[in-house]
PDB file of N, CA and C in Angstrom:
ATOM      1  N   MET A   1       0.822  -1.186   0.000  1.00  0.00           N
ATOM      2  CA  MET A   1       0.000   0.000   0.000  1.00  0.00           C
ATOM      3  C   MET A   1       0.870   1.256   0.000  1.00  0.00           C
ATOM      4  N   ARG A   2       1.977   1.230   0.763  1.00  0.00           N
ATOM      5  CA  ARG A   2       2.852   2.384   0.833  1.00  0.00           C
ATOM      6  C   ARG A   2       3.436   2.707  -0.540  1.00  0.00           C
ATOM      7  N   TYR A   3       3.801   1.670  -1.285  1.00  0.00           N
ATOM      8  CA  TYR A   3       4.392   1.898  -2.603  1.00  0.00           C
ATOM      9  C   TYR A   3       3.369   2.463  -3.582  1.00  0.00           C
ATOM     10  N   ARG A   4       2.131   2.031  -3.434  1.00  0.00           N
ATOM     11  CA  ARG A   4       1.076   2.542  -4.302  1.00  0.00           C
ATOM     12  C   ARG A   4       0.847   4.029  -4.035  1.00  0.00           C
ATOM     13  N   LEU A   5       0.811   4.414  -2.751  1.00  0.00           N
ATOM     14  CA  LEU A   5       0.625   5.825  -2.404  1.00  0.00           C
ATOM     15  C   LEU A   5       1.806   6.668  -2.866  1.00  0.00           C
ATOM     16  N   THR A   6       3.012   6.132  -2.727  1.00  0.00           N
ATOM     17  CA  THR A   6       4.191   6.847  -3.194  1.00  0.00           C
ATOM     18  C   THR A   6       4.140   7.034  -4.706  1.00  0.00           C
ATOM     19  N   PHE A   7       3.723   6.013  -5.416  1.00  0.00           N
ATOM     20  CA  PHE A   7       3.607   6.116  -6.864  1.00  0.00           C
ATOM     21  C   PHE A   7       2.587   7.171  -7.263  1.00  0.00           C
ATOM     22  N   ILE A   8       1.434   7.165  -6.601  1.00  0.00           N
ATOM     23  CA  ILE A   8       0.381   8.133  -6.921  1.00  0.00           C
ATOM     24  C   ILE A   8       0.851   9.550  -6.620  1.00  0.00           C
ATOM     25  N   ALA A   9       1.544   9.732  -5.481  1.00  0.00           N
ATOM     26  CA  ALA A   9       2.062  11.058  -5.134  1.00  0.00           C
ATOM     27  C   ALA A   9       3.090  11.511  -6.171  1.00  0.00           C
ATOM     28  N   GLY A  10       3.953  10.605  -6.601  1.00  0.00           N
ATOM     29  CA  GLY A  10       4.935  10.952  -7.626  1.00  0.00           C
ATOM     30  C   GLY A  10       4.293  11.274  -8.958  1.00  0.00           C
ATOM     31  N   LEU A  11       3.253  10.531  -9.290  1.00  0.00           N
ATOM     32  CA  LEU A  11       2.529  10.793 -10.527  1.00  0.00           C
ATOM     33  C   LEU A  11       1.874  12.174 -10.494  1.00  0.00           C
ATOM     34  N   ALA A  12       1.257  12.498  -9.365  1.00  0.00           N
ATOM     35  CA  ALA A  12       0.617  13.817  -9.230  1.00  0.00           C
ATOM     36  C   ALA A  12       1.655  14.927  -9.289  1.00  0.00           C
ATOM     37  N   LEU A  13       2.785  14.735  -8.615  1.00  0.00           N
ATOM     38  CA  LEU A  13       3.838  15.739  -8.636  1.00  0.00           C
ATOM     39  C   LEU A  13       4.394  15.916 -10.046  1.00  0.00           C
ATOM     40  N   GLY A  14       4.603  14.823 -10.740  1.00  0.00           N
ATOM     41  CA  GLY A  14       5.085  14.914 -12.117  1.00  0.00           C
ATOM     42  C   GLY A  14       4.112  15.628 -13.022  1.00  0.00           C
ATOM     43  N   TYR A  15       2.835  15.388 -12.805  1.00  0.00           N
ATOM     44  CA  TYR A  15       1.830  16.068 -13.613  1.00  0.00           C
ATOM     45  C   TYR A  15       1.852  17.565 -13.342  1.00  0.00           C
ATOM     46  N   VAL A  16       1.934  17.932 -12.066  1.00  0.00           N
ATOM     47  CA  VAL A  16       1.931  19.352 -11.715  1.00  0.00           C
ATOM     48  C   VAL A  16       3.151  20.041 -12.291  1.00  0.00           C
ATOM     49  N   ILE A  17       4.308  19.408 -12.170  1.00  0.00           N
ATOM     50  CA  ILE A  17       5.535  20.022 -12.669  1.00  0.00           C
ATOM     51  C   ILE A  17       5.552  20.065 -14.192  1.00  0.00           C
ATOM     52  N   GLY A  18       5.073  19.006 -14.823  1.00  0.00           N
ATOM     53  CA  GLY A  18       5.171  18.916 -16.267  1.00  0.00           C
ATOM     54  C   GLY A  18       4.000  19.472 -17.048  1.00  0.00           C
ATOM     55  N   THR A  19       2.966  19.857 -16.371  1.00  0.00           N
ATOM     56  CA  THR A  19       1.779  20.303 -17.083  1.00  0.00           C
ATOM     57  C   THR A  19       1.987  21.645 -17.784  1.00  0.00           C
ATOM     58  N   ARG A  20       1.316  21.801 -18.858  1.00  0.00           N
ATOM     59  CA  ARG A  20       1.329  23.080 -19.566  1.00  0.00           C
ATOM     60  C   ARG A  20      -0.039  23.732 -19.496  1.00  0.00           C
ATOM     61  N   ALA A  21      -0.875  23.219 -18.591  1.00  0.00           N
ATOM     62  CA  ALA A  21      -2.229  23.742 -18.470  1.00  0.00           C
ATOM     63  C   ALA A  21      -2.257  25.113 -17.808  1.00  0.00           C
ATOM     64  N   GLY A  22      -1.197  25.465 -17.121  1.00  0.00           N
ATOM     65  CA  GLY A  22      -1.109  26.798 -16.567  1.00  0.00           C
ATOM     66  C   GLY A  22      -1.509  26.888 -15.105  1.00  0.00           C
ATOM     67  N   ARG A  23      -1.481  28.102 -14.639  1.00  0.00           N
ATOM     68  CA  ARG A  23      -1.728  28.392 -13.227  1.00  0.00           C
ATOM     69  C   ARG A  23      -3.152  28.056 -12.805  1.00  0.00           C
ATOM     70  N   GLU A  24      -4.101  28.242 -13.692  1.00  0.00           N
ATOM     71  CA  GLU A  24      -5.504  27.979 -13.349  1.00  0.00           C
ATOM     72  C   GLU A  24      -5.705  26.506 -12.980  1.00  0.00           C
ATOM     73  N   ARG A  25      -5.160  25.612 -13.767  1.00  0.00           N
ATOM     74  CA  ARG A  25      -5.286  24.183 -13.486  1.00  0.00           C
ATOM     75  C   ARG A  25      -4.549  23.825 -12.202  1.00  0.00           C
ATOM     76  N   TYR A  26      -3.399  24.442 -11.978  1.00  0.00           N
ATOM     77  CA  TYR A  26      -2.643  24.214 -10.757  1.00  0.00           C
ATOM     78  C   TYR A  26      -3.465  24.632  -9.533  1.00  0.00           C
ATOM     79  N   GLU A  27      -4.065  25.803  -9.585  1.00  0.00           N
ATOM     80  CA  GLU A  27      -4.884  26.276  -8.465  1.00  0.00           C
ATOM     81  C   GLU A  27      -6.091  25.367  -8.243  1.00  0.00           C
ATOM     82  N   GLN A  28      -6.685  24.870  -9.319  1.00  0.00           N
ATOM     83  CA  GLN A  28      -7.816  23.955  -9.204  1.00  0.00           C
ATOM     84  C   GLN A  28      -7.386  22.659  -8.508  1.00  0.00           C
ATOM     85  N   MET A  29      -6.237  22.128  -8.891  1.00  0.00           N
ATOM     86  CA  MET A  29      -5.732  20.907  -8.270  1.00  0.00           C
ATOM     87  C   MET A  29      -5.370  21.139  -6.806  1.00  0.00           C
ATOM     88  N   LYS A  30      -4.809  22.295  -6.508  1.00  0.00           N
ATOM     89  CA  LYS A  30      -4.444  22.627  -5.137  1.00  0.00           C
ATOM     90  C   LYS A  30      -5.691  22.722  -4.260  1.00  0.00           C
ATOM     91  N   LYS A  31      -6.739  23.313  -4.792  1.00  0.00           N
ATOM     92  CA  LYS A  31      -8.004  23.432  -4.057  1.00  0.00           C
ATOM     93  C   LYS A  31      -8.606  22.047  -3.812  1.00  0.00           C
ATOM     94  N   SER A  32      -8.550  21.172  -4.806  1.00  0.00           N
ATOM     95  CA  SER A  32      -9.061  19.813  -4.645  1.00  0.00           C
ATOM     96  C   SER A  32      -8.267  19.044  -3.596  1.00  0.00           C
ATOM     97  N   ALA A  33      -6.959  19.192  -3.607  1.00  0.00           N
ATOM     98  CA  ALA A  33      -6.114  18.512  -2.624  1.00  0.00           C
ATOM     99  C   ALA A  33      -6.415  19.023  -1.216  1.00  0.00           C
ATOM    100  N   ARG A  34      -6.611  20.311  -1.077  1.00  0.00           N
ATOM    101  CA  ARG A  34      -6.932  20.881   0.226  1.00  0.00           C
ATOM    102  C   ARG A  34      -8.279  20.364   0.723  1.00  0.00           C
ATOM    103  N   GLN A  35      -9.272  20.305  -0.158  1.00  0.00           N
ATOM    104  CA  GLN A  35     -10.579  19.783   0.229  1.00  0.00           C
ATOM    105  C   GLN A  35     -10.478  18.321   0.646  1.00  0.00           C
ATOM    106  N   PHE A  36      -9.687  17.562  -0.085  1.00  0.00           N
ATOM    107  CA  PHE A  36      -9.488  16.155   0.245  1.00  0.00           C
ATOM    108  C   PHE A  36      -8.842  16.017   1.622  1.00  0.00           C
ATOM    109  N   ALA A  37      -7.812  16.808   1.885  1.00  0.00           N
ATOM    110  CA  ALA A  37      -7.097  16.718   3.155  1.00  0.00           C
ATOM    111  C   ALA A  37      -7.961  17.168   4.330  1.00  0.00           C
ATOM    112  N   GLN A  38      -8.908  18.058   4.090  1.00  0.00           N
ATOM    113  CA  GLN A  38      -9.758  18.558   5.166  1.00  0.00           C
ATOM    114  C   GLN A  38     -11.013  17.710   5.363  1.00  0.00           C
ATOM    115  N   ASN A  39     -11.181  16.694   4.553  1.00  0.00           N
ATOM    116  CA  ASN A  39     -12.322  15.802   4.694  1.00  0.00           C
ATOM    117  C   ASN A  39     -12.223  15.065   6.027  1.00  0.00           C
ATOM    118  N   PRO A  40     -13.293  15.084   6.836  1.00  0.00           N
ATOM    119  CA  PRO A  40     -13.224  14.417   8.143  1.00  0.00           C
ATOM    120  C   PRO A  40     -12.880  12.927   8.056  1.00  0.00           C
ATOM    121  N   ALA A  41     -13.357  12.253   7.052  1.00  0.00           N
ATOM    122  CA  ALA A  41     -13.048  10.823   6.915  1.00  0.00           C
ATOM    123  C   ALA A  41     -11.555  10.619   6.660  1.00  0.00           C
ATOM    124  N   VAL A  42     -10.965  11.457   5.847  1.00  0.00           N
ATOM    125  CA  VAL A  42      -9.539  11.362   5.548  1.00  0.00           C
ATOM    126  C   VAL A  42      -8.732  11.675   6.803  1.00  0.00           C
ATOM    127  N   ARG A  43      -9.130  12.713   7.520  1.00  0.00           N
ATOM    128  CA  ARG A  43      -8.423  13.094   8.740  1.00  0.00           C
ATOM    129  C   ARG A  43      -8.508  11.986   9.792  1.00  0.00           C
ATOM    130  N   ASN A  44      -9.701  11.391   9.933  1.00  0.00           N
ATOM    131  CA  ASN A  44      -9.861  10.303  10.907  1.00  0.00           C
ATOM    132  C   ASN A  44      -9.017   9.096  10.524  1.00  0.00           C
ATOM    133  N   THR A  45      -8.980   8.779   9.251  1.00  0.00           N
ATOM    134  CA  THR A  45      -8.173   7.654   8.786  1.00  0.00           C
ATOM    135  C   THR A  45      -6.691   7.915   9.020  1.00  0.00           C
ATOM    136  N   ALA A  46      -6.252   9.124   8.728  1.00  0.00           N
ATOM    137  CA  ALA A  46      -4.844   9.469   8.949  1.00  0.00           C
ATOM    138  C   ALA A  46      -4.501   9.409  10.428  1.00  0.00           C
ATOM    139  N   GLU A  47      -5.389   9.905  11.268  1.00  0.00           N
ATOM    140  CA  GLU A  47      -5.126   9.864  12.705  1.00  0.00           C
ATOM    141  C   GLU A  47      -5.122   8.440  13.239  1.00  0.00           C
ATOM    142  N   SER A  48      -6.036   7.600  12.755  1.00  0.00           N
ATOM    143  CA  SER A  48      -6.043   6.208  13.221  1.00  0.00           C
ATOM    144  C   SER A  48      -4.783   5.485  12.747  1.00  0.00           C
ATOM    145  N   ALA A  49      -4.301   5.798  11.552  1.00  0.00           N
ATOM    146  CA  ALA A  49      -3.055   5.202  11.076  1.00  0.00           C
ATOM    147  C   ALA A  49      -1.879   5.663  11.932  1.00  0.00           C
ATOM    148  N   ALA A  50      -1.868   6.937  12.292  1.00  0.00           N
ATOM    149  CA  ALA A  50      -0.804   7.455  13.147  1.00  0.00           C
ATOM    150  C   ALA A  50      -0.855   6.799  14.519  1.00  0.00           C
ATOM    151  N   GLN A  51      -2.056   6.634  15.060  1.00  0.00           N
ATOM    152  CA  GLN A  51      -2.197   5.997  16.369  1.00  0.00           C
ATOM    153  C   GLN A  51      -1.740   4.539  16.318  1.00  0.00           C
ATOM    154  N   SER A  52      -2.088   3.847  15.242  1.00  0.00           N
ATOM    155  CA  SER A  52      -1.638   2.460  15.076  1.00  0.00           C
ATOM    156  C   SER A  52      -0.119   2.396  15.020  1.00  0.00           C
ATOM    157  N   GLY A  53       0.476   3.339  14.322  1.00  0.00           N
ATOM    158  CA  GLY A  53       1.937   3.393  14.241  1.00  0.00           C
ATOM    159  C   GLY A  53       2.566   3.634  15.599  1.00  0.00           C
ATOM    160  N   ARG A  54       1.974   4.546  16.385  1.00  0.00           N
ATOM    161  CA  ARG A  54       2.492   4.793  17.733  1.00  0.00           C
ATOM    162  C   ARG A  54       2.350   3.547  18.604  1.00  0.00           C
ATOM    163  N   ASP A  55       1.209   2.849  18.484  1.00  0.00           N
ATOM    164  CA  ASP A  55       1.003   1.627  19.265  1.00  0.00           C
ATOM    165  C   ASP A  55       2.033   0.557  18.894  1.00  0.00           C
ATOM    166  N   LEU A  56       2.244   0.373  17.599  1.00  0.00           N
ATOM    167  CA  LEU A  56       3.220  -0.624  17.158  1.00  0.00           C
ATOM    168  C   LEU A  56       4.633  -0.247  17.582  1.00  0.00           C
ATOM    169  N   ALA A  57       4.949   1.035  17.543  1.00  0.00           N
ATOM    170  CA  ALA A  57       6.272   1.476  17.981  1.00  0.00           C
ATOM    171  C   ALA A  57       6.460   1.216  19.469  1.00  0.00           C
ATOM    172  N   GLY A  58       5.406   1.422  20.242  1.00  0.00           N
ATOM    173  CA  GLY A  58       5.486   1.145  21.672  1.00  0.00           C
ATOM    174  C   GLY A  58       5.693  -0.335  21.948  1.00  0.00           C
ATOM    175  N   LYS A  59       4.975  -1.179  21.211  1.00  0.00           N
ATOM    176  CA  LYS A  59       5.143  -2.629  21.377  1.00  0.00           C
ATOM    177  C   LYS A  59       6.554  -3.057  20.979  1.00  0.00           C
ATOM    178  N   ALA A  60       7.046  -2.493  19.893  1.00  0.00           N
ATOM    179  CA  ALA A  60       8.398  -2.824  19.448  1.00  0.00           C
ATOM    180  C   ALA A  60       9.426  -2.367  20.480  1.00  0.00           C
ATOM    181  N   TYR A  61       9.209  -1.207  21.063  1.00  0.00           N
ATOM    182  CA  TYR A  61      10.123  -0.709  22.087  1.00  0.00           C
ATOM    183  C   TYR A  61      10.185  -1.671  23.268  1.00  0.00           C
ATOM    184  N   HIS A  62       9.000  -2.123  23.719  1.00  0.00           N
ATOM    185  CA  HIS A  62       8.971  -3.041  24.851  1.00  0.00           C
ATOM    186  C   HIS A  62       9.626  -4.385  24.503  1.00  0.00           C
ATOM    187  N   ALA A  63       9.376  -4.884  23.312  1.00  0.00           N
ATOM    188  CA  ALA A  63       9.977  -6.156  22.908  1.00  0.00           C
ATOM    189  C   ALA A  63      11.497  -6.042  22.843  1.00  0.00           C
ATOM    190  N   VAL A  64      11.974  -4.948  22.284  1.00  0.00           N
ATOM    191  CA  VAL A  64      13.421  -4.764  22.168  1.00  0.00           C
ATOM    192  C   VAL A  64      14.036  -4.519  23.535  1.00  0.00           C
ATOM    193  N   SER A  65      13.376  -3.714  24.359  1.00  0.00           N
ATOM    194  CA  SER A  65      13.959  -3.407  25.667  1.00  0.00           C
ATOM    195  C   SER A  65      14.031  -4.646  26.557  1.00  0.00           C
ATOM    196  N   GLU A  66      13.085  -5.578  26.399  1.00  0.00           N
ATOM    197  CA  GLU A  66      13.148  -6.820  27.163  1.00  0.00           C
ATOM    198  C   GLU A  66      14.352  -7.667  26.743  1.00  0.00           C
ATOM    199  N   LYS A  67      14.645  -7.666  25.451  1.00  0.00           N
ATOM    200  CA  LYS A  67      15.753  -8.479  24.953  1.00  0.00           C
ATOM    201  C   LYS A  67      17.101  -7.816  25.210  1.00  0.00           C
ATOM    202  N   VAL A  68      17.143  -6.504  25.090  1.00  0.00           N
ATOM    203  CA  VAL A  68      18.405  -5.793  25.248  1.00  0.00           C
ATOM    204  C   VAL A  68      18.704  -5.551  26.718  1.00  0.00           C
ATOM    205  N   GLY A  69      17.676  -5.191  27.466  1.00  0.00           N
ATOM    206  CA  GLY A  69      17.824  -5.006  28.908  1.00  0.00           C
ATOM    207  C   GLY A  69      18.780  -3.901  29.278  1.00  0.00           C
ATOM    208  N   GLU A  70      19.760  -4.237  30.078  1.00  0.00           N
ATOM    209  CA  GLU A  70      20.694  -3.251  30.631  1.00  0.00           C
ATOM    210  C   GLU A  70      21.798  -2.845  29.651  1.00  0.00           C
ATOM    211  N   LYS A  71      21.799  -3.400  28.465  1.00  0.00           N
ATOM    212  CA  LYS A  71      22.852  -3.090  27.507  1.00  0.00           C
ATOM    213  C   LYS A  71      22.666  -1.731  26.843  1.00  0.00           C
ATOM    214  N   VAL A  72      21.478  -1.136  26.994  1.00  0.00           N
ATOM    215  CA  VAL A  72      21.204   0.174  26.406  1.00  0.00           C
ATOM    216  C   VAL A  72      21.897   1.238  27.254  1.00  0.00           C
ATOM    217  N   PRO A  73      22.684   2.104  26.639  1.00  0.00           N
ATOM    218  CA  PRO A  73      23.339   3.165  27.407  1.00  0.00           C
ATOM    219  C   PRO A  73      22.303   4.071  28.080  1.00  0.00           C
ATOM    220  N   ALA A  74      22.654   4.623  29.195  1.00  0.00           N
ATOM    221  CA  ALA A  74      21.733   5.479  29.956  1.00  0.00           C
ATOM    222  C   ALA A  74      21.299   6.686  29.137  1.00  0.00           C
ATOM    223  N   SER A  75      22.199   7.231  28.321  1.00  0.00           N
ATOM    224  CA  SER A  75      21.851   8.413  27.528  1.00  0.00           C
ATOM    225  C   SER A  75      20.750   8.086  26.519  1.00  0.00           C
ATOM    226  N   VAL A  76      20.801   6.900  25.930  1.00  0.00           N
ATOM    227  CA  VAL A  76      19.773   6.490  24.974  1.00  0.00           C
ATOM    228  C   VAL A  76      18.451   6.261  25.698  1.00  0.00           C
ATOM    229  N   ALA A  77      18.490   5.603  26.830  1.00  0.00           N
ATOM    230  CA  ALA A  77      17.268   5.354  27.601  1.00  0.00           C
ATOM    231  C   ALA A  77      16.627   6.663  28.037  1.00  0.00           C
ATOM    232  N   ASP A  78      17.449   7.636  28.464  1.00  0.00           N
ATOM    233  CA  ASP A  78      16.912   8.942  28.865  1.00  0.00           C
ATOM    234  C   ASP A  78      16.265   9.651  27.689  1.00  0.00           C
ATOM    235  N   ARG A  79      16.889   9.559  26.526  1.00  0.00           N
ATOM    236  CA  ARG A  79      16.338  10.222  25.325  1.00  0.00           C
ATOM    237  C   ARG A  79      15.000   9.599  24.936  1.00  0.00           C
ATOM    238  N   VAL A  80      14.911   8.278  24.950  1.00  0.00           N
ATOM    239  CA  VAL A  80      13.668   7.588  24.612  1.00  0.00           C
ATOM    240  C   VAL A  80      12.583   7.962  25.612  1.00  0.00           C
ATOM    241  N   ARG A  81      12.939   7.993  26.884  1.00  0.00           N
ATOM    242  CA  ARG A  81      11.972   8.349  27.927  1.00  0.00           C
ATOM    243  C   ARG A  81      11.462   9.778  27.726  1.00  0.00           C
ATOM    244  N   SER A  82      12.361  10.711  27.386  1.00  0.00           N
ATOM    245  CA  SER A  82      11.939  12.099  27.184  1.00  0.00           C
ATOM    246  C   SER A  82      11.040  12.224  25.962  1.00  0.00           C
ATOM    247  N   LEU A  83      11.342  11.471  24.911  1.00  0.00           N
ATOM    248  CA  LEU A  83      10.482  11.502  23.722  1.00  0.00           C
ATOM    249  C   LEU A  83       9.111  10.927  24.023  1.00  0.00           C
ATOM    250  N   ARG A  84       9.076   9.852  24.802  1.00  0.00           N
ATOM    251  CA  ARG A  84       7.799   9.237  25.151  1.00  0.00           C
ATOM    252  C   ARG A  84       6.979  10.187  26.021  1.00  0.00           C
ATOM    253  N   ASP A  85       7.625  10.853  26.979  1.00  0.00           N
ATOM    254  CA  ASP A  85       6.925  11.794  27.857  1.00  0.00           C
ATOM    255  C   ASP A  85       6.392  12.988  27.075  1.00  0.00           C
ATOM    256  N   ARG A  86       7.149  13.456  26.105  1.00  0.00           N
ATOM    257  CA  ARG A  86       6.710  14.590  25.306  1.00  0.00           C
ATOM    258  C   ARG A  86       5.473  14.241  24.482  1.00  0.00           C
ATOM    259  N   GLY A  87       5.376  13.005  24.009  1.00  0.00           N
ATOM    260  CA  GLY A  87       4.226  12.573  23.228  1.00  0.00           C
ATOM    261  C   GLY A  87       2.968  12.402  24.051  1.00  0.00           C
ATOM    262  N   GLN A  88       3.098  12.287  25.373  1.00  0.00           N
ATOM    263  CA  GLN A  88       1.942  12.055  26.235  1.00  0.00           C
ATOM    264  C   GLN A  88       1.095  13.298  26.433  1.00  0.00           C
ATOM    265  N   ASN A  89       1.674  14.495  26.298  1.00  0.00           N
ATOM    266  CA  ASN A  89       0.921  15.708  26.596  1.00  0.00           C
ATOM    267  C   ASN A  89       0.061  16.199  25.426  1.00  0.00           C
ATOM    268  N   GLY A  90       0.071  15.503  24.298  1.00  0.00           N
ATOM    269  CA  GLY A  90      -0.801  15.850  23.184  1.00  0.00           C
ATOM    270  C   GLY A  90      -0.223  16.862  22.218  1.00  0.00           C
ATOM    271  N   GLU A  91       0.957  17.381  22.493  1.00  0.00           N
ATOM    272  CA  GLU A  91       1.599  18.341  21.619  1.00  0.00           C
ATOM    273  C   GLU A  91       2.928  17.769  21.143  1.00  0.00           C
ATOM    274  N   ASP A  92       3.323  18.158  19.966  1.00  0.00           N
ATOM    275  CA  ASP A  92       4.633  17.773  19.479  1.00  0.00           C
ATOM    276  C   ASP A  92       5.382  19.030  19.058  1.00  0.00           C
ATOM    277  N   ASP A  93       6.602  18.865  18.595  1.00  0.00           N
ATOM    278  CA  ASP A  93       7.416  20.013  18.237  1.00  0.00           C
ATOM    279  C   ASP A  93       6.887  20.775  17.034  1.00  0.00           C
ATOM    280  N   TRP A  94       5.974  20.203  16.310  1.00  0.00           N
ATOM    281  CA  TRP A  94       5.474  20.821  15.091  1.00  0.00           C
ATOM    282  C   TRP A  94       4.291  21.724  15.355  1.00  0.00           C
ATOM    283  N   GLY A  95       3.806  21.766  16.573  1.00  0.00           N
ATOM    284  CA  GLY A  95       2.679  22.622  16.902  1.00  0.00           C
ATOM    285  C   GLY A  95       1.353  22.016  16.548  1.00  0.00           C
ATOM    286  N   THR A  96       1.323  20.720  16.278  1.00  0.00           N
ATOM    287  CA  THR A  96       0.075  20.049  15.977  1.00  0.00           C
ATOM    288  C   THR A  96      -0.303  19.161  17.131  1.00  0.00           C
ATOM    289  N   SER A  97      -1.579  18.881  17.255  1.00  0.00           N
ATOM    290  CA  SER A  97      -2.006  18.024  18.363  1.00  0.00           C
ATOM    291  C   SER A  97      -2.176  16.602  17.867  1.00  0.00           C
ATOM    292  N   ASN A  98      -2.206  15.675  18.784  1.00  0.00           N
ATOM    293  CA  ASN A  98      -2.370  14.264  18.453  1.00  0.00           C
ATOM    294  C   ASN A  98      -3.810  13.824  18.600  1.00  0.00           C
ATOM    295  N   THR A  99      -4.738  14.751  18.513  1.00  0.00           N
ATOM    296  CA  THR A  99      -6.152  14.397  18.655  1.00  0.00           C
ATOM    297  C   THR A  99      -6.819  14.308  17.334  1.00  0.00           C
TER     298      THR A  99
END
């Protein structure tokens, strides 16, 4: 699925860059993309995918930490802990919320 989305994004980008339809067509496509991105169903799907990714990353962290145990340097463990704590408050460095 990821490769299909990458292909479609590349195809759209190539069309925008290579088109000779002019600024009007570009603005029309930009407006359509904005409407698509602001669609509640699209936003909910993107957020659920992001949440699934965070859940899987957390599971992977626990699985790896159980196997690695005390071999992880303290500086790495502190960094991971700070990143995890920062994600809990609902804000990230980009100024967007996780809701």
